[in-house]
All heavy atoms as atom14 arrays in JSON, in Angstrom:
{
  "sequence": "PKSAASTGFAFHVANSAPATPAPAYAAQGSAAV",
  "atom14_mask": [
    [1, 1, 1, 1, 1, 1, 1, 0, 0, 0, 0, 0, 0, 0],
    [1, 1, 1, 1, 1, 1, 1, 1, 1, 0, 0, 0, 0, 0],
    [1, 1, 1, 1, 1, 1, 0, 0, 0, 0, 0, 0, 0, 0],
    [1, 1, 1, 1, 1, 0, 0, 0, 0, 0, 0, 0, 0, 0],
    [1, 1, 1, 1, 1, 0, 0, 0, 0, 0, 0, 0, 0, 0],
    [1, 1, 1, 1, 1, 1, 0, 0, 0, 0, 0, 0, 0, 0],
    [1, 1, 1, 1, 1, 1, 1, 0, 0, 0, 0, 0, 0, 0],
    [1, 1, 1, 1, 0, 0, 0, 0, 0, 0, 0, 0, 0, 0],
    [1, 1, 1, 1, 1, 1, 1, 1, 1, 1, 1, 0, 0, 0],
    [1, 1, 1, 1, 1, 0, 0, 0, 0, 0, 0, 0, 0, 0],
    [1, 1, 1, 1, 1, 1, 1, 1, 1, 1, 1, 0, 0, 0],
    [1, 1, 1, 1, 1, 1, 1, 1, 1, 1, 0, 0, 0, 0],
    [1, 1, 1, 1, 1, 1, 1, 0, 0, 0, 0, 0, 0, 0],
    [1, 1, 1, 1, 1, 0, 0, 0, 0, 0, 0, 0, 0, 0],
    [1, 1, 1, 1, 1, 1, 1, 1, 0, 0, 0, 0, 0, 0],
    [1, 1, 1, 1, 1, 1, 0, 0, 0, 0, 0, 0, 0, 0],
    [1, 1, 1, 1, 1, 0, 0, 0, 0, 0, 0, 0, 0, 0],
    [1, 1, 1, 1, 1, 1, 1, 0, 0, 0, 0, 0, 0, 0],
    [1, 1, 1, 1, 1, 0, 0, 0, 0, 0, 0, 0, 0, 0],
    [1, 1, 1, 1, 1, 1, 1, 0, 0, 0, 0, 0, 0, 0],
    [1, 1, 1, 1, 1, 1, 1, 0, 0, 0, 0, 0, 0, 0],
    [1, 1, 1, 1, 1, 0, 0, 0, 0, 0, 0, 0, 0, 0],
    [1, 1, 1, 1, 1, 1, 1, 0, 0, 0, 0, 0, 0, 0],
    [1, 1, 1, 1, 1, 0, 0, 0, 0, 0, 0, 0, 0, 0],
    [1, 1, 1, 1, 1, 1, 1, 1, 1, 1, 1, 1, 0, 0],
    [1, 1, 1, 1, 1, 0, 0, 0, 0, 0, 0, 0, 0, 0],
    [1, 1, 1, 1, 1, 0, 0, 0, 0, 0, 0, 0, 0, 0],
    [1, 1, 1, 1, 1, 1, 1, 1, 1, 0, 0, 0, 0, 0],
    [1, 1, 1, 1, 0, 0, 0, 0, 0, 0, 0, 0, 0, 0],
    [1, 1, 1, 1, 1, 1, 0, 0, 0, 0, 0, 0, 0, 0],
    [1, 1, 1, 1, 1, 0, 0, 0, 0, 0, 0, 0, 0, 0],
    [1, 1, 1, 1, 1, 0, 0, 0, 0, 0, 0, 0, 0, 0],
    [1, 1, 1, 1, 1, 1, 1, 0, 0, 0, 0, 0, 0, 0]
  ],
  "atom14_positions": [
    [[-22.69, 27.12, -7.03], [-22.15, 28.49, -7.12], [-20.66, 28.57, -6.8], [-19.94, 29.36, -7.42], [-22.98, 29.26, -6.08], [-24.21, 28.45, -5.89], [-23.81, 27.03, -6.1], [0.0, 0.0, 0.0], [0.0, 0.0, 0.0], [0.0, 0.0, 0.0], [0.0, 0.0, 0.0], [0.0, 0.0, 0.0], [0.0, 0.0, 0.0], [0.0, 0.0, 0.0]],
    [[-20.17, 27.78, -5.86], [-18.76, 27.88, -5.48], [-17.85, 27.35, -6.56], [-16.86, 27.98, -6.93], [-18.53, 27.14, -4.16], [-19.16, 27.84, -2.97], [-18.69, 27.23, -1.66], [-19.23, 28.02, -0.47], [-18.77, 27.47, 0.82], [0.0, 0.0, 0.0], [0.0, 0.0, 0.0], [0.0, 0.0, 0.0], [0.0, 0.0, 0.0], [0.0, 0.0, 0.0]],
    [[-18.15, 26.16, -7.1], [-17.27, 25.58, -8.11], [-17.4, 26.3, -9.45], [-16.49, 26.24, -10.29], [-17.56, 24.09, -8.3], [-18.87, 23.88, -8.77], [0.0, 0.0, 0.0], [0.0, 0.0, 0.0], [0.0, 0.0, 0.0], [0.0, 0.0, 0.0], [0.0, 0.0, 0.0], [0.0, 0.0, 0.0], [0.0, 0.0, 0.0], [0.0, 0.0, 0.0]],
    [[-18.53, 26.99, -9.68], [-18.72, 27.71, -10.94], [-18.09, 29.09, -10.93], [-18.02, 29.75, -11.98], [-20.22, 27.84, -11.24], [0.0, 0.0, 0.0], [0.0, 0.0, 0.0], [0.0, 0.0, 0.0], [0.0, 0.0, 0.0], [0.0, 0.0, 0.0], [0.0, 0.0, 0.0], [0.0, 0.0, 0.0], [0.0, 0.0, 0.0], [0.0, 0.0, 0.0]],
    [[-17.6, 29.53, -9.77], [-17.11, 30.91, -9.65], [-15.96, 31.2, -10.61], [-15.91, 32.28, -11.21], [-16.68, 31.18, -8.21], [0.0, 0.0, 0.0], [0.0, 0.0, 0.0], [0.0, 0.0, 0.0], [0.0, 0.0, 0.0], [0.0, 0.0, 0.0], [0.0, 0.0, 0.0], [0.0, 0.0, 0.0], [0.0, 0.0, 0.0], [0.0, 0.0, 0.0]],
    [[-15.03, 30.25, -10.76], [-13.88, 30.49, -11.62], [-14.32, 30.78, -13.05], [-13.82, 31.7, -13.71], [-12.94, 29.28, -11.61], [-12.43, 29.07, -10.32], [0.0, 0.0, 0.0], [0.0, 0.0, 0.0], [0.0, 0.0, 0.0], [0.0, 0.0, 0.0], [0.0, 0.0, 0.0], [0.0, 0.0, 0.0], [0.0, 0.0, 0.0], [0.0, 0.0, 0.0]],
    [[-15.26, 29.99, -13.55], [-15.77, 30.18, -14.9], [-16.47, 31.53, -15.03], [-16.27, 32.25, -16.0], [-16.74, 29.06, -15.27], [-16.09, 27.8, -15.11], [-17.22, 29.19, -16.7], [0.0, 0.0, 0.0], [0.0, 0.0, 0.0], [0.0, 0.0, 0.0], [0.0, 0.0, 0.0], [0.0, 0.0, 0.0], [0.0, 0.0, 0.0], [0.0, 0.0, 0.0]],
    [[-17.28, 31.87, -14.02], [-18.01, 33.13, -14.09], [-17.09, 34.33, -14.07], [-17.26, 35.28, -14.84], [0.0, 0.0, 0.0], [0.0, 0.0, 0.0], [0.0, 0.0, 0.0], [0.0, 0.0, 0.0], [0.0, 0.0, 0.0], [0.0, 0.0, 0.0], [0.0, 0.0, 0.0], [0.0, 0.0, 0.0], [0.0, 0.0, 0.0], [0.0, 0.0, 0.0]],
    [[-16.09, 34.32, -13.18], [-15.15, 35.43, -13.12], [-14.36, 35.56, -14.41], [-14.13, 36.65, -14.92], [-14.19, 35.24, -11.94], [-14.83, 35.43, -10.59], [-14.31, 34.82, -9.47], [-15.95, 36.23, -10.45], [-14.89, 34.99, -8.23], [-16.54, 36.42, -9.21], [-16.01, 35.79, -8.1], [0.0, 0.0, 0.0], [0.0, 0.0, 0.0], [0.0, 0.0, 0.0]],
    [[-13.93, 34.42, -14.96], [-13.15, 34.45, -16.2], [-14.0, 34.97, -17.36], [-13.53, 35.74, -18.21], [-12.63, 33.05, -16.53], [0.0, 0.0, 0.0], [0.0, 0.0, 0.0], [0.0, 0.0, 0.0], [0.0, 0.0, 0.0], [0.0, 0.0, 0.0], [0.0, 0.0, 0.0], [0.0, 0.0, 0.0], [0.0, 0.0, 0.0], [0.0, 0.0, 0.0]],
    [[-15.26, 34.59, -17.4], [-16.13, 35.05, -18.47], [-16.36, 36.55, -18.38], [-16.45, 37.25, -19.39], [-17.46, 34.29, -18.41], [-18.19, 34.26, -19.71], [-17.55, 33.87, -20.87], [-19.52, 34.62, -19.79], [-18.22, 33.83, -22.08], [-20.2, 34.58, -20.98], [-19.55, 34.18, -22.13], [0.0, 0.0, 0.0], [0.0, 0.0, 0.0], [0.0, 0.0, 0.0]],
    [[-16.42, 37.05, -17.14], [-16.55, 38.51, -16.96], [-15.34, 39.23, -17.54], [-15.48, 40.23, -18.23], [-16.71, 38.83, -15.48], [-16.57, 40.28, -15.17], [-17.43, 41.23, -15.69], [-15.67, 40.96, -14.41], [-17.06, 42.44, -15.26], [-16.0, 42.29, -14.49], [0.0, 0.0, 0.0], [0.0, 0.0, 0.0], [0.0, 0.0, 0.0], [0.0, 0.0, 0.0]],
    [[-14.14, 38.7, -17.25], [-12.93, 39.32, -17.79], [-12.94, 39.25, -19.31], [-12.6, 40.21, -20.0], [-11.67, 38.62, -17.23], [-10.41, 39.24, -17.82], [-11.64, 38.72, -15.72], [0.0, 0.0, 0.0], [0.0, 0.0, 0.0], [0.0, 0.0, 0.0], [0.0, 0.0, 0.0], [0.0, 0.0, 0.0], [0.0, 0.0, 0.0], [0.0, 0.0, 0.0]],
    [[-13.32, 38.09, -19.85], [-13.31, 37.91, -21.3], [-14.23, 38.91, -21.99], [-13.93, 39.4, -23.08], [-13.75, 36.49, -21.65], [0.0, 0.0, 0.0], [0.0, 0.0, 0.0], [0.0, 0.0, 0.0], [0.0, 0.0, 0.0], [0.0, 0.0, 0.0], [0.0, 0.0, 0.0], [0.0, 0.0, 0.0], [0.0, 0.0, 0.0], [0.0, 0.0, 0.0]],
    [[-15.35, 39.24, -21.37], [-16.28, 40.17, -21.98], [-15.99, 41.62, -21.6], [-16.6, 42.53, -22.14], [-17.71, 39.8, -21.6], [-18.21, 38.62, -22.39], [-18.66, 38.75, -23.51], [-18.08, 37.43, -21.82], [0.0, 0.0, 0.0], [0.0, 0.0, 0.0], [0.0, 0.0, 0.0], [0.0, 0.0, 0.0], [0.0, 0.0, 0.0], [0.0, 0.0, 0.0]],
    [[-15.07, 41.83, -20.65], [-14.64, 43.19, -20.35], [-13.59, 43.66, -21.33], [-13.44, 44.86, -21.57], [-14.06, 43.25, -18.93], [-15.04, 42.92, -17.98], [0.0, 0.0, 0.0], [0.0, 0.0, 0.0], [0.0, 0.0, 0.0], [0.0, 0.0, 0.0], [0.0, 0.0, 0.0], [0.0, 0.0, 0.0], [0.0, 0.0, 0.0], [0.0, 0.0, 0.0]],
    [[-12.84, 42.71, -21.9], [-11.78, 43.06, -22.84], [-12.34, 43.17, -24.24], [-13.19, 42.39, -24.64], [-10.68, 42.0, -22.8], [0.0, 0.0, 0.0], [0.0, 0.0, 0.0], [0.0, 0.0, 0.0], [0.0, 0.0, 0.0], [0.0, 0.0, 0.0], [0.0, 0.0, 0.0], [0.0, 0.0, 0.0], [0.0, 0.0, 0.0], [0.0, 0.0, 0.0]],
    [[-11.9, 44.16, -25.04], [-12.4, 44.29, -26.4], [-11.94, 43.14, -27.27], [-10.81, 42.68, -27.19], [-11.77, 45.61, -26.88], [-10.56, 45.77, -26.03], [-10.88, 45.17, -24.71], [0.0, 0.0, 0.0], [0.0, 0.0, 0.0], [0.0, 0.0, 0.0], [0.0, 0.0, 0.0], [0.0, 0.0, 0.0], [0.0, 0.0, 0.0], [0.0, 0.0, 0.0]],
    [[-12.83, 42.64, -28.06], [-12.5, 41.55, -28.98], [-13.45, 41.61, -30.16], [-14.54, 42.15, -30.07], [-12.6, 40.2, -28.28], [0.0, 0.0, 0.0], [0.0, 0.0, 0.0], [0.0, 0.0, 0.0], [0.0, 0.0, 0.0], [0.0, 0.0, 0.0], [0.0, 0.0, 0.0], [0.0, 0.0, 0.0], [0.0, 0.0, 0.0], [0.0, 0.0, 0.0]],
    [[-13.02, 41.05, -31.26], [-13.85, 41.06, -32.45], [-14.92, 39.98, -32.33], [-14.6, 38.8, -32.21], [-13.0, 40.77, -33.71], [-11.96, 41.72, -33.75], [-13.86, 40.84, -34.95], [0.0, 0.0, 0.0], [0.0, 0.0, 0.0], [0.0, 0.0, 0.0], [0.0, 0.0, 0.0], [0.0, 0.0, 0.0], [0.0, 0.0, 0.0], [0.0, 0.0, 0.0]],
    [[-16.21, 40.34, -32.32], [-17.24, 39.33, -32.16], [-17.18, 38.32, -33.3], [-16.97, 38.65, -34.45], [-18.55, 40.16, -32.22], [-18.13, 41.54, -31.82], [-16.75, 41.71, -32.38], [0.0, 0.0, 0.0], [0.0, 0.0, 0.0], [0.0, 0.0, 0.0], [0.0, 0.0, 0.0], [0.0, 0.0, 0.0], [0.0, 0.0, 0.0], [0.0, 0.0, 0.0]],
    [[-17.37, 37.07, -32.91], [-17.38, 35.99, -33.9], [-18.22, 34.87, -33.35], [-18.35, 34.71, -32.15], [-15.96, 35.51, -34.17], [0.0, 0.0, 0.0], [0.0, 0.0, 0.0], [0.0, 0.0, 0.0], [0.0, 0.0, 0.0], [0.0, 0.0, 0.0], [0.0, 0.0, 0.0], [0.0, 0.0, 0.0], [0.0, 0.0, 0.0], [0.0, 0.0, 0.0]],
    [[-18.83, 34.09, -34.21], [-19.66, 33.0, -33.72], [-18.83, 32.04, -32.88], [-17.75, 31.63, -33.27], [-20.15, 32.32, -35.0], [-20.02, 33.36, -36.06], [-18.84, 34.19, -35.67], [0.0, 0.0, 0.0], [0.0, 0.0, 0.0], [0.0, 0.0, 0.0], [0.0, 0.0, 0.0], [0.0, 0.0, 0.0], [0.0, 0.0, 0.0], [0.0, 0.0, 0.0]],
    [[-19.35, 31.71, -31.69], [-18.62, 30.79, -30.82], [-19.56, 29.79, -30.19], [-19.24, 29.2, -29.18], [-17.92, 31.59, -29.73], [0.0, 0.0, 0.0], [0.0, 0.0, 0.0], [0.0, 0.0, 0.0], [0.0, 0.0, 0.0], [0.0, 0.0, 0.0], [0.0, 0.0, 0.0], [0.0, 0.0, 0.0], [0.0, 0.0, 0.0], [0.0, 0.0, 0.0]],
    [[-20.71, 29.56, -30.8], [-21.73, 28.85, -30.06], [-22.65, 28.09, -30.98], [-22.9, 28.48, -32.12], [-22.53, 29.87, -29.25], [-23.91, 29.44, -28.84], [-24.07, 28.51, -27.82], [-25.03, 29.98, -29.45], [-25.34, 28.14, -27.43], [-26.29, 29.6, -29.05], [-26.44, 28.67, -28.03], [-27.68, 28.31, -27.65], [0.0, 0.0, 0.0], [0.0, 0.0, 0.0]],
    [[-23.14, 26.97, -30.46], [-24.24, 26.21, -31.04], [-23.83, 25.48, -32.3], [-22.67, 25.31, -32.62], [-25.45, 27.11, -31.29], [0.0, 0.0, 0.0], [0.0, 0.0, 0.0], [0.0, 0.0, 0.0], [0.0, 0.0, 0.0], [0.0, 0.0, 0.0], [0.0, 0.0, 0.0], [0.0, 0.0, 0.0], [0.0, 0.0, 0.0], [0.0, 0.0, 0.0]],
    [[-24.85, 25.04, -33.03], [-24.6, 24.22, -34.21], [-23.96, 25.05, -35.3], [-24.0, 26.27, -35.3], [-25.93, 23.63, -34.7], [0.0, 0.0, 0.0], [0.0, 0.0, 0.0], [0.0, 0.0, 0.0], [0.0, 0.0, 0.0], [0.0, 0.0, 0.0], [0.0, 0.0, 0.0], [0.0, 0.0, 0.0], [0.0, 0.0, 0.0], [0.0, 0.0, 0.0]],
    [[-23.36, 24.35, -36.26], [-22.67, 25.05, -37.33], [-23.64, 25.96, -38.06], [-24.78, 25.62, -38.33], [-22.07, 24.03, -38.3], [-20.94, 23.22, -37.65], [-20.39, 22.19, -38.59], [-20.94, 21.94, -39.65], [-19.29, 21.58, -38.18], [0.0, 0.0, 0.0], [0.0, 0.0, 0.0], [0.0, 0.0, 0.0], [0.0, 0.0, 0.0], [0.0, 0.0, 0.0]],
    [[-23.13, 27.14, -38.38], [-23.94, 28.09, -39.12], [-24.77, 29.01, -38.27], [-25.47, 29.86, -38.78], [0.0, 0.0, 0.0], [0.0, 0.0, 0.0], [0.0, 0.0, 0.0], [0.0, 0.0, 0.0], [0.0, 0.0, 0.0], [0.0, 0.0, 0.0], [0.0, 0.0, 0.0], [0.0, 0.0, 0.0], [0.0, 0.0, 0.0], [0.0, 0.0, 0.0]],
    [[-24.74, 28.85, -36.93], [-25.54, 29.72, -36.08], [-24.86, 31.06, -35.9], [-23.66, 31.21, -36.05], [-25.75, 29.07, -34.69], [-24.52, 28.96, -34.04], [0.0, 0.0, 0.0], [0.0, 0.0, 0.0], [0.0, 0.0, 0.0], [0.0, 0.0, 0.0], [0.0, 0.0, 0.0], [0.0, 0.0, 0.0], [0.0, 0.0, 0.0], [0.0, 0.0, 0.0]],
    [[-25.65, 32.05, -35.54], [-25.12, 33.4, -35.37], [-24.49, 33.56, -34.01], [-24.67, 32.76, -33.11], [-26.26, 34.41, -35.54], [0.0, 0.0, 0.0], [0.0, 0.0, 0.0], [0.0, 0.0, 0.0], [0.0, 0.0, 0.0], [0.0, 0.0, 0.0], [0.0, 0.0, 0.0], [0.0, 0.0, 0.0], [0.0, 0.0, 0.0], [0.0, 0.0, 0.0]],
    [[-23.73, 34.66, -33.87], [-23.14, 34.95, -32.57], [-24.22, 35.16, -31.54], [-25.3, 35.65, -31.83], [-22.27, 36.2, -32.67], [0.0, 0.0, 0.0], [0.0, 0.0, 0.0], [0.0, 0.0, 0.0], [0.0, 0.0, 0.0], [0.0, 0.0, 0.0], [0.0, 0.0, 0.0], [0.0, 0.0, 0.0], [0.0, 0.0, 0.0], [0.0, 0.0, 0.0]],
    [[-23.92, 34.79, -30.32], [-24.91, 34.86, -29.25], [-24.67, 36.08, -28.39], [-23.54, 36.4, -28.05], [-24.82, 33.58, -28.38], [-25.74, 33.68, -27.21], [-25.15, 32.37, -29.22], [0.0, 0.0, 0.0], [0.0, 0.0, 0.0], [0.0, 0.0, 0.0], [0.0, 0.0, 0.0], [0.0, 0.0, 0.0], [0.0, 0.0, 0.0], [0.0, 0.0, 0.0]]
  ]
}
């Protein structure tokens, strides 16, 4: 939990800011998660 905090906090900020959804995950051709 301690070493993962930076990633978790940053991900919260990333999803708090408006952005155009786009696939960013998994094998090629997969849908947005």
